[in-house]
Amino acid sequence: MWDRLRNSWIPRCLFLGTLAMAVVIIVAVIVCPWLPDSLPVVPLFAADVTVRRTALASAAALVVTAFVFFRPAARPKKPSPNEPPPGNMAGA
């Protein structure tokens, strides 16, 4: 049970969580220019081009991180019953 959790669920949750954080950053960059200045971060995202570009680059880096480190492993392919079993002899 723990192997299944470690090999399947945890990488999947980390993958989806990292992608979700990237989406939150992108949505913050898009929505902040139209929000009222109620929070101290909103004017920074709304007015500063450098902060927006850095946030978008960070979101792209999070997407790359998700696909490189937390990609769910592919399930192993089951051998078909028609294939002969592998031989015990090495060589060509």
PDB file of N, CA and C in Angstrom:
ATOM      1  N   MET A   1       0.819  -1.188   0.000  1.00  0.00           N
ATOM      2  CA  MET A   1       0.000   0.000   0.000  1.00  0.00           C
ATOM      3  C   MET A   1       0.867   1.259   0.000  1.00  0.00           C
ATOM      4  N   TRP A   2       1.935   1.259   0.819  1.00  0.00           N
ATOM      5  CA  TRP A   2       2.780   2.441   0.866  1.00  0.00           C
ATOM      6  C   TRP A   2       3.544   2.641  -0.435  1.00  0.00           C
ATOM      7  N   ASP A   3       3.900   1.535  -1.099  1.00  0.00           N
ATOM      8  CA  ASP A   3       4.589   1.669  -2.379  1.00  0.00           C
ATOM      9  C   ASP A   3       3.696   2.319  -3.419  1.00  0.00           C
ATOM     10  N   ARG A   4       2.425   1.926  -3.413  1.00  0.00           N
ATOM     11  CA  ARG A   4       1.489   2.525  -4.361  1.00  0.00           C
ATOM     12  C   ARG A   4       1.303   4.011  -4.077  1.00  0.00           C
ATOM     13  N   LEU A   5       1.225   4.355  -2.791  1.00  0.00           N
ATOM     14  CA  LEU A   5       1.087   5.758  -2.420  1.00  0.00           C
ATOM     15  C   LEU A   5       2.322   6.546  -2.836  1.00  0.00           C
ATOM     16  N   ARG A   6       3.486   5.973  -2.560  1.00  0.00           N
ATOM     17  CA  ARG A   6       4.731   6.676  -2.861  1.00  0.00           C
ATOM     18  C   ARG A   6       4.979   6.776  -4.357  1.00  0.00           C
ATOM     19  N   ASN A   7       4.637   5.757  -5.105  1.00  0.00           N
ATOM     20  CA  ASN A   7       4.949   5.730  -6.530  1.00  0.00           C
ATOM     21  C   ASN A   7       3.877   6.346  -7.404  1.00  0.00           C
ATOM     22  N   SER A   8       2.674   6.486  -6.912  1.00  0.00           N
ATOM     23  CA  SER A   8       1.599   6.954  -7.766  1.00  0.00           C
ATOM     24  C   SER A   8       0.947   8.244  -7.276  1.00  0.00           C
ATOM     25  N   TRP A   9       0.478   8.250  -6.048  1.00  0.00           N
ATOM     26  CA  TRP A   9      -0.334   9.376  -5.579  1.00  0.00           C
ATOM     27  C   TRP A   9       0.484  10.613  -5.241  1.00  0.00           C
ATOM     28  N   ILE A  10       1.595  10.448  -4.573  1.00  0.00           N
ATOM     29  CA  ILE A  10       2.384  11.621  -4.182  1.00  0.00           C
ATOM     30  C   ILE A  10       2.938  12.363  -5.396  1.00  0.00           C
ATOM     31  N   PRO A  11       3.552  11.685  -6.382  1.00  0.00           N
ATOM     32  CA  PRO A  11       3.996  12.448  -7.563  1.00  0.00           C
ATOM     33  C   PRO A  11       2.845  13.112  -8.311  1.00  0.00           C
ATOM     34  N   ARG A  12       1.700  12.438  -8.368  1.00  0.00           N
ATOM     35  CA  ARG A  12       0.551  13.031  -9.054  1.00  0.00           C
ATOM     36  C   ARG A  12       0.056  14.272  -8.331  1.00  0.00           C
ATOM     37  N   CYS A  13      -0.001  14.225  -7.010  1.00  0.00           N
ATOM     38  CA  CYS A  13      -0.445  15.395  -6.241  1.00  0.00           C
ATOM     39  C   CYS A  13       0.545  16.550  -6.366  1.00  0.00           C
ATOM     40  N   LEU A  14       1.834  16.248  -6.311  1.00  0.00           N
ATOM     41  CA  LEU A  14       2.836  17.292  -6.482  1.00  0.00           C
ATOM     42  C   LEU A  14       2.794  17.885  -7.889  1.00  0.00           C
ATOM     43  N   PHE A  15       2.583  17.049  -8.884  1.00  0.00           N
ATOM     44  CA  PHE A  15       2.468  17.508 -10.267  1.00  0.00           C
ATOM     45  C   PHE A  15       1.289  18.469 -10.417  1.00  0.00           C
ATOM     46  N   LEU A  16       0.121  18.057  -9.924  1.00  0.00           N
ATOM     47  CA  LEU A  16      -1.069  18.898 -10.048  1.00  0.00           C
ATOM     48  C   LEU A  16      -0.966  20.157  -9.192  1.00  0.00           C
ATOM     49  N   GLY A  17      -0.362  20.046  -8.018  1.00  0.00           N
ATOM     50  CA  GLY A  17      -0.190  21.225  -7.164  1.00  0.00           C
ATOM     51  C   GLY A  17       0.734  22.256  -7.787  1.00  0.00           C
ATOM     52  N   THR A  18       1.799  21.790  -8.411  1.00  0.00           N
ATOM     53  CA  THR A  18       2.731  22.717  -9.067  1.00  0.00           C
ATOM     54  C   THR A  18       2.077  23.399 -10.260  1.00  0.00           C
ATOM     55  N   LEU A  19       1.316  22.630 -11.033  1.00  0.00           N
ATOM     56  CA  LEU A  19       0.595  23.247 -12.156  1.00  0.00           C
ATOM     57  C   LEU A  19      -0.468  24.228 -11.661  1.00  0.00           C
ATOM     58  N   ALA A  20      -1.115  23.912 -10.556  1.00  0.00           N
ATOM     59  CA  ALA A  20      -2.124  24.816  -9.998  1.00  0.00           C
ATOM     60  C   ALA A  20      -1.494  26.129  -9.539  1.00  0.00           C
ATOM     61  N   MET A  21      -0.315  26.056  -8.935  1.00  0.00           N
ATOM     62  CA  MET A  21       0.359  27.287  -8.519  1.00  0.00           C
ATOM     63  C   MET A  21       0.753  28.141  -9.722  1.00  0.00           C
ATOM     64  N   ALA A  22       1.167  27.505 -10.805  1.00  0.00           N
ATOM     65  CA  ALA A  22       1.501  28.256 -12.015  1.00  0.00           C
ATOM     66  C   ALA A  22       0.260  28.958 -12.567  1.00  0.00           C
ATOM     67  N   VAL A  23      -0.869  28.270 -12.539  1.00  0.00           N
ATOM     68  CA  VAL A  23      -2.118  28.879 -13.022  1.00  0.00           C
ATOM     69  C   VAL A  23      -2.528  30.042 -12.127  1.00  0.00           C
ATOM     70  N   VAL A  24      -2.358  29.907 -10.824  1.00  0.00           N
ATOM     71  CA  VAL A  24      -2.699  30.997  -9.888  1.00  0.00           C
ATOM     72  C   VAL A  24      -1.842  32.224 -10.173  1.00  0.00           C
ATOM     73  N   ILE A  25      -0.567  32.030 -10.441  1.00  0.00           N
ATOM     74  CA  ILE A  25       0.312  33.166 -10.743  1.00  0.00           C
ATOM     75  C   ILE A  25      -0.109  33.841 -12.045  1.00  0.00           C
ATOM     76  N   ILE A  26      -0.432  33.046 -13.060  1.00  0.00           N
ATOM     77  CA  ILE A  26      -0.851  33.624 -14.343  1.00  0.00           C
ATOM     78  C   ILE A  26      -2.165  34.382 -14.196  1.00  0.00           C
ATOM     79  N   VAL A  27      -3.106  33.823 -13.458  1.00  0.00           N
ATOM     80  CA  VAL A  27      -4.384  34.504 -13.232  1.00  0.00           C
ATOM     81  C   VAL A  27      -4.173  35.792 -12.436  1.00  0.00           C
ATOM     82  N   ALA A  28      -3.260  35.781 -11.462  1.00  0.00           N
ATOM     83  CA  ALA A  28      -2.977  36.997 -10.697  1.00  0.00           C
ATOM     84  C   ALA A  28      -2.415  38.092 -11.594  1.00  0.00           C
ATOM     85  N   VAL A  29      -1.559  37.724 -12.520  1.00  0.00           N
ATOM     86  CA  VAL A  29      -0.990  38.721 -13.431  1.00  0.00           C
ATOM     87  C   VAL A  29      -2.074  39.296 -14.340  1.00  0.00           C
ATOM     88  N   ILE A  30      -2.993  38.443 -14.767  1.00  0.00           N
ATOM     89  CA  ILE A  30      -4.042  38.902 -15.688  1.00  0.00           C
ATOM     90  C   ILE A  30      -5.102  39.738 -14.970  1.00  0.00           C
ATOM     91  N   VAL A  31      -5.483  39.344 -13.755  1.00  0.00           N
ATOM     92  CA  VAL A  31      -6.633  39.960 -13.080  1.00  0.00           C
ATOM     93  C   VAL A  31      -6.250  41.201 -12.273  1.00  0.00           C
ATOM     94  N   CYS A  32      -5.036  41.290 -11.778  1.00  0.00           N
ATOM     95  CA  CYS A  32      -4.659  42.387 -10.879  1.00  0.00           C
ATOM     96  C   CYS A  32      -4.842  43.792 -11.453  1.00  0.00           C
ATOM     97  N   PRO A  33      -4.654  44.055 -12.727  1.00  0.00           N
ATOM     98  CA  PRO A  33      -4.896  45.428 -13.199  1.00  0.00           C
ATOM     99  C   PRO A  33      -6.343  45.897 -13.044  1.00  0.00           C
ATOM    100  N   TRP A  34      -7.292  44.981 -12.916  1.00  0.00           N
ATOM    101  CA  TRP A  34      -8.693  45.376 -12.791  1.00  0.00           C
ATOM    102  C   TRP A  34      -9.215  45.323 -11.357  1.00  0.00           C
ATOM    103  N   LEU A  35      -8.408  44.875 -10.426  1.00  0.00           N
ATOM    104  CA  LEU A  35      -8.836  44.801  -9.031  1.00  0.00           C
ATOM    105  C   LEU A  35      -8.603  46.136  -8.338  1.00  0.00           C
ATOM    106  N   PRO A  36      -9.428  46.456  -7.343  1.00  0.00           N
ATOM    107  CA  PRO A  36      -9.155  47.665  -6.555  1.00  0.00           C
ATOM    108  C   PRO A  36      -7.905  47.471  -5.697  1.00  0.00           C
ATOM    109  N   ASP A  37      -7.322  48.571  -5.282  1.00  0.00           N
ATOM    110  CA  ASP A  37      -6.069  48.510  -4.530  1.00  0.00           C
ATOM    111  C   ASP A  37      -6.309  48.194  -3.061  1.00  0.00           C
ATOM    112  N   SER A  38      -6.921  47.065  -2.793  1.00  0.00           N
ATOM    113  CA  SER A  38      -7.218  46.693  -1.411  1.00  0.00           C
ATOM    114  C   SER A  38      -6.044  45.985  -0.753  1.00  0.00           C
ATOM    115  N   LEU A  39      -5.271  45.253  -1.509  1.00  0.00           N
ATOM    116  CA  LEU A  39      -4.104  44.560  -0.986  1.00  0.00           C
ATOM    117  C   LEU A  39      -2.839  45.256  -1.465  1.00  0.00           C
ATOM    118  N   PRO A  40      -1.760  45.175  -0.704  1.00  0.00           N
ATOM    119  CA  PRO A  40      -0.547  45.884  -1.127  1.00  0.00           C
ATOM    120  C   PRO A  40       0.121  45.276  -2.359  1.00  0.00           C
ATOM    121  N   VAL A  41      -0.207  44.038  -2.700  1.00  0.00           N
ATOM    122  CA  VAL A  41       0.427  43.389  -3.849  1.00  0.00           C
ATOM    123  C   VAL A  41      -0.247  43.789  -5.161  1.00  0.00           C
ATOM    124  N   VAL A  42      -1.507  44.145  -5.102  1.00  0.00           N
ATOM    125  CA  VAL A  42      -2.278  44.427  -6.313  1.00  0.00           C
ATOM    126  C   VAL A  42      -1.685  45.585  -7.114  1.00  0.00           C
ATOM    127  N   PRO A  43      -1.358  46.720  -6.522  1.00  0.00           N
ATOM    128  CA  PRO A  43      -0.773  47.793  -7.343  1.00  0.00           C
ATOM    129  C   PRO A  43       0.578  47.412  -7.946  1.00  0.00           C
ATOM    130  N   LEU A  44       1.312  46.572  -7.240  1.00  0.00           N
ATOM    131  CA  LEU A  44       2.611  46.149  -7.762  1.00  0.00           C
ATOM    132  C   LEU A  44       2.439  45.328  -9.031  1.00  0.00           C
ATOM    133  N   PHE A  45       1.502  44.380  -9.020  1.00  0.00           N
ATOM    134  CA  PHE A  45       1.239  43.581 -10.217  1.00  0.00           C
ATOM    135  C   PHE A  45       0.576  44.417 -11.310  1.00  0.00           C
ATOM    136  N   ALA A  46      -0.227  45.392 -10.923  1.00  0.00           N
ATOM    137  CA  ALA A  46      -0.964  46.176 -11.907  1.00  0.00           C
ATOM    138  C   ALA A  46      -0.069  47.173 -12.637  1.00  0.00           C
ATOM    139  N   ALA A  47       0.918  47.720 -11.961  1.00  0.00           N
ATOM    140  CA  ALA A  47       1.669  48.823 -12.550  1.00  0.00           C
ATOM    141  C   ALA A  47       3.061  48.446 -13.055  1.00  0.00           C
ATOM    142  N   ASP A  48       3.697  47.477 -12.449  1.00  0.00           N
ATOM    143  CA  ASP A  48       5.097  47.208 -12.763  1.00  0.00           C
ATOM    144  C   ASP A  48       5.222  46.095 -13.802  1.00  0.00           C
ATOM    145  N   VAL A  49       5.776  46.437 -14.958  1.00  0.00           N
ATOM    146  CA  VAL A  49       5.932  45.480 -16.047  1.00  0.00           C
ATOM    147  C   VAL A  49       6.978  44.420 -15.689  1.00  0.00           C
ATOM    148  N   THR A  50       8.013  44.813 -14.988  1.00  0.00           N
ATOM    149  CA  THR A  50       9.066  43.867 -14.620  1.00  0.00           C
ATOM    150  C   THR A  50       8.538  42.789 -13.690  1.00  0.00           C
ATOM    151  N   VAL A  51       7.700  43.160 -12.755  1.00  0.00           N
ATOM    152  CA  VAL A  51       7.117  42.179 -11.834  1.00  0.00           C
ATOM    153  C   VAL A  51       6.217  41.207 -12.591  1.00  0.00           C
ATOM    154  N   ARG A  52       5.436  41.722 -13.530  1.00  0.00           N
ATOM    155  CA  ARG A  52       4.558  40.834 -14.310  1.00  0.00           C
ATOM    156  C   ARG A  52       5.365  39.868 -15.159  1.00  0.00           C
ATOM    157  N   ARG A  53       6.405  40.356 -15.803  1.00  0.00           N
ATOM    158  CA  ARG A  53       7.232  39.468 -16.629  1.00  0.00           C
ATOM    159  C   ARG A  53       7.946  38.424 -15.776  1.00  0.00           C
ATOM    160  N   THR A  54       8.432  38.833 -14.614  1.00  0.00           N
ATOM    161  CA  THR A  54       9.091  37.882 -13.719  1.00  0.00           C
ATOM    162  C   THR A  54       8.105  36.841 -13.208  1.00  0.00           C
ATOM    163  N   ALA A  55       6.888  37.257 -12.911  1.00  0.00           N
ATOM    164  CA  ALA A  55       5.870  36.310 -12.449  1.00  0.00           C
ATOM    165  C   ALA A  55       5.511  35.318 -13.551  1.00  0.00           C
ATOM    166  N   LEU A  56       5.397  35.783 -14.782  1.00  0.00           N
ATOM    167  CA  LEU A  56       5.104  34.869 -15.886  1.00  0.00           C
ATOM    168  C   LEU A  56       6.261  33.907 -16.145  1.00  0.00           C
ATOM    169  N   ALA A  57       7.489  34.389 -16.021  1.00  0.00           N
ATOM    170  CA  ALA A  57       8.642  33.495 -16.169  1.00  0.00           C
ATOM    171  C   ALA A  57       8.674  32.474 -15.038  1.00  0.00           C
ATOM    172  N   SER A  58       8.300  32.892 -13.843  1.00  0.00           N
ATOM    173  CA  SER A  58       8.242  31.956 -12.716  1.00  0.00           C
ATOM    174  C   SER A  58       7.160  30.907 -12.923  1.00  0.00           C
ATOM    175  N   ALA A  59       6.030  31.314 -13.482  1.00  0.00           N
ATOM    176  CA  ALA A  59       4.971  30.351 -13.770  1.00  0.00           C
ATOM    177  C   ALA A  59       5.428  29.346 -14.825  1.00  0.00           C
ATOM    178  N   ALA A  60       6.143  29.818 -15.827  1.00  0.00           N
ATOM    179  CA  ALA A  60       6.677  28.897 -16.840  1.00  0.00           C
ATOM    180  C   ALA A  60       7.688  27.941 -16.222  1.00  0.00           C
ATOM    181  N   ALA A  61       8.508  28.433 -15.305  1.00  0.00           N
ATOM    182  CA  ALA A  61       9.478  27.573 -14.627  1.00  0.00           C
ATOM    183  C   ALA A  61       8.773  26.532 -13.762  1.00  0.00           C
ATOM    184  N   LEU A  62       7.661  26.894 -13.145  1.00  0.00           N
ATOM    185  CA  LEU A  62       6.896  25.920 -12.363  1.00  0.00           C
ATOM    186  C   LEU A  62       6.315  24.824 -13.253  1.00  0.00           C
ATOM    187  N   VAL A  63       5.856  25.186 -14.432  1.00  0.00           N
ATOM    188  CA  VAL A  63       5.328  24.181 -15.361  1.00  0.00           C
ATOM    189  C   VAL A  63       6.437  23.221 -15.780  1.00  0.00           C
ATOM    190  N   VAL A  64       7.603  23.755 -16.083  1.00  0.00           N
ATOM    191  CA  VAL A  64       8.734  22.901 -16.461  1.00  0.00           C
ATOM    192  C   VAL A  64       9.125  22.007 -15.291  1.00  0.00           C
ATOM    193  N   THR A  65       9.150  22.553 -14.101  1.00  0.00           N
ATOM    194  CA  THR A  65       9.475  21.763 -12.913  1.00  0.00           C
ATOM    195  C   THR A  65       8.485  20.635 -12.727  1.00  0.00           C
ATOM    196  N   ALA A  66       7.210  20.912 -12.939  1.00  0.00           N
ATOM    197  CA  ALA A  66       6.192  19.869 -12.787  1.00  0.00           C
ATOM    198  C   ALA A  66       6.422  18.738 -13.774  1.00  0.00           C
ATOM    199  N   PHE A  67       6.718  19.065 -15.009  1.00  0.00           N
ATOM    200  CA  PHE A  67       6.895  18.016 -16.013  1.00  0.00           C
ATOM    201  C   PHE A  67       8.225  17.274 -15.869  1.00  0.00           C
ATOM    202  N   VAL A  68       9.250  17.932 -15.340  1.00  0.00           N
ATOM    203  CA  VAL A  68      10.546  17.268 -15.206  1.00  0.00           C
ATOM    204  C   VAL A  68      10.613  16.409 -13.950  1.00  0.00           C
ATOM    205  N   PHE A  69      10.195  16.949 -12.820  1.00  0.00           N
ATOM    206  CA  PHE A  69      10.408  16.258 -11.561  1.00  0.00           C
ATOM    207  C   PHE A  69       9.206  15.475 -11.051  1.00  0.00           C
ATOM    208  N   PHE A  70       7.995  15.935 -11.315  1.00  0.00           N
ATOM    209  CA  PHE A  70       6.817  15.332 -10.707  1.00  0.00           C
ATOM    210  C   PHE A  70       5.912  14.631 -11.705  1.00  0.00           C
ATOM    211  N   ARG A  71       6.387  14.386 -12.907  1.00  0.00           N
ATOM    212  CA  ARG A  71       5.564  13.734 -13.919  1.00  0.00           C
ATOM    213  C   ARG A  71       5.179  12.336 -13.427  1.00  0.00           C
ATOM    214  N   PRO A  72       3.895  12.016 -13.463  1.00  0.00           N
ATOM    215  CA  PRO A  72       3.496  10.660 -13.058  1.00  0.00           C
ATOM    216  C   PRO A  72       4.123   9.624 -13.979  1.00  0.00           C
ATOM    217  N   ALA A  73       4.628   8.567 -13.384  1.00  0.00           N
ATOM    218  CA  ALA A  73       5.316   7.533 -14.154  1.00  0.00           C
ATOM    219  C   ALA A  73       4.314   6.796 -15.036  1.00  0.00           C
ATOM    220  N   ALA A  74       4.778   6.423 -16.201  1.00  0.00           N
ATOM    221  CA  ALA A  74       3.929   5.653 -17.105  1.00  0.00           C
ATOM    222  C   ALA A  74       3.756   4.248 -16.551  1.00  0.00           C
ATOM    223  N   ARG A  75       2.586   3.720 -16.722  1.00  0.00           N
ATOM    224  CA  ARG A  75       2.323   2.362 -16.257  1.00  0.00           C
ATOM    225  C   ARG A  75       3.042   1.374 -17.157  1.00  0.00           C
ATOM    226  N   PRO A  76       3.645   0.359 -16.570  1.00  0.00           N
ATOM    227  CA  PRO A  76       4.349  -0.614 -17.406  1.00  0.00           C
ATOM    228  C   PRO A  76       3.381  -1.392 -18.286  1.00  0.00           C
ATOM    229  N   LYS A  77       3.827  -1.644 -19.499  1.00  0.00           N
ATOM    230  CA  LYS A  77       2.985  -2.354 -20.453  1.00  0.00           C
ATOM    231  C   LYS A  77       3.016  -3.845 -20.148  1.00  0.00           C
ATOM    232  N   LYS A  78       1.840  -4.431 -20.096  1.00  0.00           N
ATOM    233  CA  LYS A  78       1.765  -5.864 -19.842  1.00  0.00           C
ATOM    234  C   LYS A  78       2.138  -6.616 -21.126  1.00  0.00           C
ATOM    235  N   PRO A  79       2.922  -7.676 -20.991  1.00  0.00           N
ATOM    236  CA  PRO A  79       3.272  -8.433 -22.204  1.00  0.00           C
ATOM    237  C   PRO A  79       2.034  -9.154 -22.740  1.00  0.00           C
ATOM    238  N   SER A  80       1.926  -9.169 -24.044  1.00  0.00           N
ATOM    239  CA  SER A  80       0.772  -9.839 -24.644  1.00  0.00           C
ATOM    240  C   SER A  80       0.974 -11.351 -24.581  1.00  0.00           C
ATOM    241  N   PRO A  81      -0.102 -12.096 -24.518  1.00  0.00           N
ATOM    242  CA  PRO A  81       0.044 -13.547 -24.412  1.00  0.00           C
ATOM    243  C   PRO A  81       0.604 -14.172 -25.691  1.00  0.00           C
ATOM    244  N   ASN A  82       0.607 -13.466 -26.812  1.00  0.00           N
ATOM    245  CA  ASN A  82       1.105 -14.015 -28.074  1.00  0.00           C
ATOM    246  C   ASN A  82       2.628 -13.923 -28.193  1.00  0.00           C
ATOM    247  N   GLU A  83       3.259 -13.025 -27.411  1.00  0.00           N
ATOM    248  CA  GLU A  83       4.708 -12.872 -27.497  1.00  0.00           C
ATOM    249  C   GLU A  83       5.388 -14.027 -26.773  1.00  0.00           C
ATOM    250  N   PRO A  84       6.462 -14.555 -27.368  1.00  0.00           N
ATOM    251  CA  PRO A  84       7.190 -15.611 -26.660  1.00  0.00           C
ATOM    252  C   PRO A  84       7.941 -15.025 -25.469  1.00  0.00           C
ATOM    253  N   PRO A  85       8.166 -15.799 -24.452  1.00  0.00           N
ATOM    254  CA  PRO A  85       8.916 -15.269 -23.288  1.00  0.00           C
ATOM    255  C   PRO A  85      10.355 -14.989 -23.686  1.00  0.00           C
ATOM    256  N   PRO A  86      11.001 -14.044 -23.023  1.00  0.00           N
ATOM    257  CA  PRO A  86      12.376 -13.724 -23.368  1.00  0.00           C
ATOM    258  C   PRO A  86      13.291 -14.915 -23.087  1.00  0.00           C
ATOM    259  N   GLY A  87      14.285 -15.079 -23.934  1.00  0.00           N
ATOM    260  CA  GLY A  87      15.230 -16.185 -23.786  1.00  0.00           C
ATOM    261  C   GLY A  87      16.200 -15.941 -22.642  1.00  0.00           C
ATOM    262  N   ASN A  88      16.818 -16.995 -22.214  1.00  0.00           N
ATOM    263  CA  ASN A  88      17.792 -16.874 -21.136  1.00  0.00           C
ATOM    264  C   ASN A  88      19.202 -16.679 -21.663  1.00  0.00           C
ATOM    265  N   MET A  89      19.359 -16.600 -22.957  1.00  0.00           N
ATOM    266  CA  MET A  89      20.688 -16.497 -23.557  1.00  0.00           C
ATOM    267  C   MET A  89      20.967 -15.053 -23.952  1.00  0.00           C
ATOM    268  N   ALA A  90      22.150 -14.567 -23.643  1.00  0.00           N
ATOM    269  CA  ALA A  90      22.550 -13.224 -24.022  1.00  0.00           C
ATOM    270  C   ALA A  90      23.257 -13.264 -25.375  1.00  0.00           C
ATOM    271  N   GLY A  91      23.169 -12.185 -26.092  1.00  0.00           N
ATOM    272  CA  GLY A  91      23.858 -12.110 -27.376  1.00  0.00           C
ATOM    273  C   GLY A  91      22.882 -11.960 -28.515  1.00  0.00           C
ATOM    274  N   ALA A  92      23.425 -11.952 -29.733  1.00  0.00           N
ATOM    275  CA  ALA A  92      22.589 -11.707 -30.887  1.00  0.00           C
ATOM    276  C   ALA A  92      22.130 -12.964 -31.546  1.00  0.00           C
TER     277      ALA A  92
END
